[in-house]
PDB file of N, CA and C in Angstrom:
ATOM      1  N   MET A   1      12.025 -21.200  20.898  1.00  0.00           N
ATOM      2  CA  MET A   1      11.172 -22.005  20.172  1.00  0.00           C
ATOM      3  C   MET A   1      10.149 -22.102  20.068  1.00  0.00           C
ATOM      4  N   MET A   2       9.179 -22.231  18.921  1.00  0.00           N
ATOM      5  CA  MET A   2       7.702 -22.398  19.113  1.00  0.00           C
ATOM      6  C   MET A   2       7.269 -24.455  18.696  1.00  0.00           C
ATOM      7  N   LYS A   3       6.681 -24.342  19.762  1.00  0.00           N
ATOM      8  CA  LYS A   3       6.902 -26.251  19.506  1.00  0.00           C
ATOM      9  C   LYS A   3       5.048 -25.961  18.344  1.00  0.00           C
ATOM     10  N   VAL A   4       5.269 -27.821  17.628  1.00  0.00           N
ATOM     11  CA  VAL A   4       3.864 -27.591  16.806  1.00  0.00           C
ATOM     12  C   VAL A   4       3.116 -28.255  17.384  1.00  0.00           C
ATOM     13  N   LYS A   5       2.017 -27.284  16.692  1.00  0.00           N
ATOM     14  CA  LYS A   5       0.660 -27.545  17.691  1.00  0.00           C
ATOM     15  C   LYS A   5      -0.346 -28.750  16.424  1.00  0.00           C
ATOM     16  N   ASN A   6      -0.701 -29.872  16.977  1.00  0.00           N
ATOM     17  CA  ASN A   6      -1.380 -30.505  16.475  1.00  0.00           C
ATOM     18  C   ASN A   6      -2.929 -29.997  16.415  1.00  0.00           C
ATOM     19  N   ALA A   7      -3.275 -29.164  15.886  1.00  0.00           N
ATOM     20  CA  ALA A   7      -4.682 -29.088  15.630  1.00  0.00           C
ATOM     21  C   ALA A   7      -5.419 -28.832  14.463  1.00  0.00           C
ATOM     22  N   PRO A   8      -6.728 -28.507  14.327  1.00  0.00           N
ATOM     23  CA  PRO A   8      -7.255 -28.598  12.649  1.00  0.00           C
ATOM     24  C   PRO A   8      -6.835 -26.865  12.486  1.00  0.00           C
ATOM     25  N   ALA A   9      -6.538 -27.147  11.213  1.00  0.00           N
ATOM     26  CA  ALA A   9      -5.932 -25.561  11.023  1.00  0.00           C
ATOM     27  C   ALA A   9      -7.151 -24.712  10.772  1.00  0.00           C
ATOM     28  N   ASN A  10      -6.769 -23.255  10.907  1.00  0.00           N
ATOM     29  CA  ASN A  10      -8.108 -22.219  11.766  1.00  0.00           C
ATOM     30  C   ASN A  10      -7.047 -21.230  10.840  1.00  0.00           C
ATOM     31  N   SER A  11      -7.628 -20.038  10.241  1.00  0.00           N
ATOM     32  CA  SER A  11      -7.499 -18.867   9.118  1.00  0.00           C
ATOM     33  C   SER A  11      -7.446 -17.883   9.977  1.00  0.00           C
ATOM     34  N   GLY A  12      -8.022 -18.024  11.266  1.00  0.00           N
ATOM     35  CA  GLY A  12      -7.326 -16.564  12.122  1.00  0.00           C
ATOM     36  C   GLY A  12      -8.260 -15.384  11.531  1.00  0.00           C
ATOM     37  N   ASN A  13      -7.912 -14.416  11.960  1.00  0.00           N
ATOM     38  CA  ASN A  13      -8.586 -12.923  11.671  1.00  0.00           C
ATOM     39  C   ASN A  13      -8.334 -12.417  10.524  1.00  0.00           C
ATOM     40  N   LEU A  14      -7.085 -12.648   9.462  1.00  0.00           N
ATOM     41  CA  LEU A  14      -6.660 -11.945   8.514  1.00  0.00           C
ATOM     42  C   LEU A  14      -7.399 -11.739   7.948  1.00  0.00           C
ATOM     43  N   LEU A  15      -8.227 -12.426   7.234  1.00  0.00           N
ATOM     44  CA  LEU A  15      -8.906 -13.073   5.928  1.00  0.00           C
ATOM     45  C   LEU A  15     -10.202 -12.445   6.048  1.00  0.00           C
ATOM     46  N   LYS A  16     -11.046 -12.188   7.216  1.00  0.00           N
ATOM     47  CA  LYS A  16     -12.095 -11.617   7.573  1.00  0.00           C
ATOM     48  C   LYS A  16     -12.153 -11.158   8.747  1.00  0.00           C
ATOM     49  N   PRO A  17     -13.089 -10.276   8.660  1.00  0.00           N
ATOM     50  CA  PRO A  17     -13.059  -8.907  10.064  1.00  0.00           C
ATOM     51  C   PRO A  17     -13.725  -9.863  11.145  1.00  0.00           C
ATOM     52  N   SER A  18     -13.291  -8.968  12.645  1.00  0.00           N
ATOM     53  CA  SER A  18     -13.364  -9.774  13.691  1.00  0.00           C
ATOM     54  C   SER A  18     -14.465  -9.440  13.997  1.00  0.00           C
ATOM     55  N   SER A  19     -15.078 -10.489  15.110  1.00  0.00           N
ATOM     56  CA  SER A  19     -16.549 -10.376  15.915  1.00  0.00           C
ATOM     57  C   SER A  19     -16.567  -8.957  16.222  1.00  0.00           C
ATOM     58  N   GLU A  20     -17.971  -9.132  16.806  1.00  0.00           N
ATOM     59  CA  GLU A  20     -18.562  -7.639  17.108  1.00  0.00           C
ATOM     60  C   GLU A  20     -17.858  -6.634  18.447  1.00  0.00           C
ATOM     61  N   PRO A  21     -17.216  -7.555  19.515  1.00  0.00           N
ATOM     62  CA  PRO A  21     -16.784  -6.771  20.351  1.00  0.00           C
ATOM     63  C   PRO A  21     -15.454  -7.169  20.429  1.00  0.00           C
ATOM     64  N   HIS A  22     -14.385  -6.969  19.149  1.00  0.00           N
ATOM     65  CA  HIS A  22     -12.928  -7.372  19.195  1.00  0.00           C
ATOM     66  C   HIS A  22     -12.870  -6.479  17.764  1.00  0.00           C
ATOM     67  N   ARG A  23     -13.404  -5.844  17.095  1.00  0.00           N
ATOM     68  CA  ARG A  23     -13.504  -5.145  16.188  1.00  0.00           C
ATOM     69  C   ARG A  23     -12.628  -3.378  16.492  1.00  0.00           C
ATOM     70  N   ILE A  24     -11.781  -3.265  15.508  1.00  0.00           N
ATOM     71  CA  ILE A  24     -11.436  -1.914  15.660  1.00  0.00           C
ATOM     72  C   ILE A  24     -11.700  -0.926  15.210  1.00  0.00           C
ATOM     73  N   TYR A  25     -12.140  -0.033  16.220  1.00  0.00           N
ATOM     74  CA  TYR A  25     -13.105   1.301  15.885  1.00  0.00           C
ATOM     75  C   TYR A  25     -12.422   2.592  15.111  1.00  0.00           C
ATOM     76  N   GLY A  26     -12.816   3.409  14.622  1.00  0.00           N
ATOM     77  CA  GLY A  26     -11.563   4.760  14.438  1.00  0.00           C
ATOM     78  C   GLY A  26     -11.389   4.753  13.164  1.00  0.00           C
ATOM     79  N   GLU A  27     -10.735   5.686  12.932  1.00  0.00           N
ATOM     80  CA  GLU A  27     -10.052   5.933  11.391  1.00  0.00           C
ATOM     81  C   GLU A  27      -8.516   5.443  11.499  1.00  0.00           C
ATOM     82  N   THR A  28      -8.264   5.418  10.143  1.00  0.00           N
ATOM     83  CA  THR A  28      -6.964   5.164  10.208  1.00  0.00           C
ATOM     84  C   THR A  28      -5.896   6.218  10.419  1.00  0.00           C
ATOM     85  N   ILE A  29      -4.633   5.652  10.459  1.00  0.00           N
ATOM     86  CA  ILE A  29      -3.695   6.928  10.452  1.00  0.00           C
ATOM     87  C   ILE A  29      -3.537   7.640   9.551  1.00  0.00           C
ATOM     88  N   LEU A  30      -3.392   7.051   8.172  1.00  0.00           N
ATOM     89  CA  LEU A  30      -3.154   7.285   6.822  1.00  0.00           C
ATOM     90  C   LEU A  30      -4.651   7.558   6.312  1.00  0.00           C
ATOM     91  N   PRO A  31      -4.946   8.800   5.725  1.00  0.00           N
ATOM     92  CA  PRO A  31      -6.075   9.170   4.880  1.00  0.00           C
ATOM     93  C   PRO A  31      -5.985   8.029   3.693  1.00  0.00           C
ATOM     94  N   VAL A  32      -7.431   8.051   2.866  1.00  0.00           N
ATOM     95  CA  VAL A  32      -7.565   7.620   1.802  1.00  0.00           C
ATOM     96  C   VAL A  32      -7.543   8.863   0.820  1.00  0.00           C
ATOM     97  N   PRO A  33      -6.374   8.189   0.015  1.00  0.00           N
ATOM     98  CA  PRO A  33      -6.029   9.169  -0.948  1.00  0.00           C
ATOM     99  C   PRO A  33      -7.217   9.448  -1.920  1.00  0.00           C
ATOM    100  N   SER A  34      -7.407  11.308  -1.918  1.00  0.00           N
ATOM    101  CA  SER A  34      -8.629  11.755  -3.156  1.00  0.00           C
ATOM    102  C   SER A  34      -8.097  10.952  -4.643  1.00  0.00           C
ATOM    103  N   ARG A  35      -9.004  11.439  -5.501  1.00  0.00           N
ATOM    104  CA  ARG A  35      -8.748  11.448  -6.824  1.00  0.00           C
ATOM    105  C   ARG A  35      -8.023  12.454  -7.120  1.00  0.00           C
ATOM    106  N   LYS A  36      -7.701  13.749  -6.869  1.00  0.00           N
ATOM    107  CA  LYS A  36      -7.068  14.469  -6.928  1.00  0.00           C
ATOM    108  C   LYS A  36      -5.375  14.324  -6.594  1.00  0.00           C
ATOM    109  N   THR A  37      -5.399  13.938  -5.815  1.00  0.00           N
ATOM    110  CA  THR A  37      -4.168  13.425  -5.073  1.00  0.00           C
ATOM    111  C   THR A  37      -3.308  12.369  -5.653  1.00  0.00           C
ATOM    112  N   LYS A  38      -3.956  11.032  -6.280  1.00  0.00           N
ATOM    113  CA  LYS A  38      -3.462   9.925  -7.027  1.00  0.00           C
ATOM    114  C   LYS A  38      -3.338  10.752  -8.317  1.00  0.00           C
ATOM    115  N   MET A  39      -3.936  11.723  -9.228  1.00  0.00           N
ATOM    116  CA  MET A  39      -3.482  11.919 -10.419  1.00  0.00           C
ATOM    117  C   MET A  39      -2.188  13.248 -10.210  1.00  0.00           C
ATOM    118  N   ALA A  40      -2.440  13.852  -8.921  1.00  0.00           N
ATOM    119  CA  ALA A  40      -0.800  14.832  -8.803  1.00  0.00           C
ATOM    120  C   ALA A  40       0.033  13.937  -8.659  1.00  0.00           C
ATOM    121  N   ILE A  41       0.250  12.561  -7.898  1.00  0.00           N
ATOM    122  CA  ILE A  41       1.330  11.766  -7.581  1.00  0.00           C
ATOM    123  C   ILE A  41       1.633  11.379  -8.951  1.00  0.00           C
ATOM    124  N   ILE A  42       0.457  10.619 -10.046  1.00  0.00           N
ATOM    125  CA  ILE A  42       0.596  10.089 -11.154  1.00  0.00           C
ATOM    126  C   ILE A  42       1.631  10.810 -12.432  1.00  0.00           C
ATOM    127  N   ALA A  43       0.913  12.506 -12.068  1.00  0.00           N
ATOM    128  CA  ALA A  43       1.513  13.341 -13.036  1.00  0.00           C
ATOM    129  C   ALA A  43       3.024  13.590 -12.673  1.00  0.00           C
ATOM    130  N   GLY A  44       3.788  13.810 -11.095  1.00  0.00           N
ATOM    131  CA  GLY A  44       4.520  13.528 -10.775  1.00  0.00           C
ATOM    132  C   GLY A  44       5.787  12.939 -11.378  1.00  0.00           C
ATOM    133  N   ILE A  45       5.198  11.494 -10.786  1.00  0.00           N
ATOM    134  CA  ILE A  45       5.810  10.162 -11.610  1.00  0.00           C
ATOM    135  C   ILE A  45       6.199  10.510 -13.015  1.00  0.00           C
ATOM    136  N   GLY A  46       5.603  10.894 -13.725  1.00  0.00           N
ATOM    137  CA  GLY A  46       5.341  11.133 -15.220  1.00  0.00           C
ATOM    138  C   GLY A  46       6.638  12.561 -15.554  1.00  0.00           C
ATOM    139  N   LEU A  47       6.611  13.261 -14.720  1.00  0.00           N
ATOM    140  CA  LEU A  47       7.384  14.158 -15.014  1.00  0.00           C
ATOM    141  C   LEU A  47       8.770  13.947 -14.749  1.00  0.00           C
ATOM    142  N   GLY A  48       8.874  13.174 -13.854  1.00  0.00           N
ATOM    143  CA  GLY A  48      10.098  12.749 -13.428  1.00  0.00           C
ATOM    144  C   GLY A  48      10.767  12.347 -14.486  1.00  0.00           C
ATOM    145  N   LEU A  49       9.894  11.173 -14.522  1.00  0.00           N
ATOM    146  CA  LEU A  49      10.687   9.829 -15.821  1.00  0.00           C
ATOM    147  C   LEU A  49      10.916  10.981 -16.990  1.00  0.00           C
ATOM    148  N   SER A  50       9.757  11.796 -17.392  1.00  0.00           N
ATOM    149  CA  SER A  50      10.304  12.403 -19.005  1.00  0.00           C
ATOM    150  C   SER A  50      11.711  12.932 -18.578  1.00  0.00           C
ATOM    151  N   TYR A  51      11.718  13.959 -17.559  1.00  0.00           N
ATOM    152  CA  TYR A  51      13.029  14.482 -17.267  1.00  0.00           C
ATOM    153  C   TYR A  51      14.045  13.505 -17.274  1.00  0.00           C
ATOM    154  N   MET A  52      13.934  12.834 -16.098  1.00  0.00           N
ATOM    155  CA  MET A  52      15.236  11.637 -16.304  1.00  0.00           C
ATOM    156  C   MET A  52      15.527  11.384 -17.955  1.00  0.00           C
ATOM    157  N   LEU A  53      14.113  10.533 -18.910  1.00  0.00           N
ATOM    158  CA  LEU A  53      14.765  10.615 -19.913  1.00  0.00           C
ATOM    159  C   LEU A  53      15.284  11.362 -20.863  1.00  0.00           C
ATOM    160  N   PHE A  54      14.808  12.529 -21.288  1.00  0.00           N
ATOM    161  CA  PHE A  54      15.659  13.999 -21.672  1.00  0.00           C
ATOM    162  C   PHE A  54      16.846  13.937 -21.238  1.00  0.00           C
ATOM    163  N   LYS A  55      17.156  13.979 -20.068  1.00  0.00           N
ATOM    164  CA  LYS A  55      18.532  14.340 -19.453  1.00  0.00           C
ATOM    165  C   LYS A  55      19.572  13.127 -20.229  1.00  0.00           C
ATOM    166  N   ALA A  56      18.886  11.891 -19.888  1.00  0.00           N
ATOM    167  CA  ALA A  56      19.826  10.746 -20.832  1.00  0.00           C
ATOM    168  C   ALA A  56      20.035  10.894 -21.775  1.00  0.00           C
ATOM    169  N   ASN A  57      19.389  11.085 -22.791  1.00  0.00           N
ATOM    170  CA  ASN A  57      19.250  11.816 -24.026  1.00  0.00           C
ATOM    171  C   ASN A  57      20.482  12.715 -24.474  1.00  0.00           C
ATOM    172  N   SER A  58      20.315  13.671 -23.367  1.00  0.00           N
ATOM    173  CA  SER A  58      21.255  15.016 -23.489  1.00  0.00           C
ATOM    174  C   SER A  58      22.382  14.377 -23.409  1.00  0.00           C
ATOM    175  N   TYR A  59      22.949  13.475 -22.596  1.00  0.00           N
ATOM    176  CA  TYR A  59      24.135  12.991 -22.141  1.00  0.00           C
ATOM    177  C   TYR A  59      24.513  12.719 -23.141  1.00  0.00           C
ATOM    178  N   LYS A  60      24.285  11.589 -24.298  1.00  0.00           N
ATOM    179  CA  LYS A  60      24.611  11.088 -25.292  1.00  0.00           C
ATOM    180  C   LYS A  60      25.239  12.211 -26.506  1.00  0.00           C
ATOM    181  N   LYS A  61      24.694  12.939 -26.350  1.00  0.00           N
ATOM    182  CA  LYS A  61      24.993  13.657 -27.598  1.00  0.00           C
ATOM    183  C   LYS A  61      26.523  14.900 -27.612  1.00  0.00           C
TER     184      LYS A  61
END
């Protein structure tokens, strides 16, 4: 177990970037999705939901 530390509050480096020698360099593992990729994902979700609604309505008949 960890013991309680009686020290002033410290926000750490979660809310602000690290100082110069401690920064992370390079690219992230996952690239930032482009506008076309975002639109394709939204279109796929929309088509999937409309298909599910269509199938749900056909079962009711």
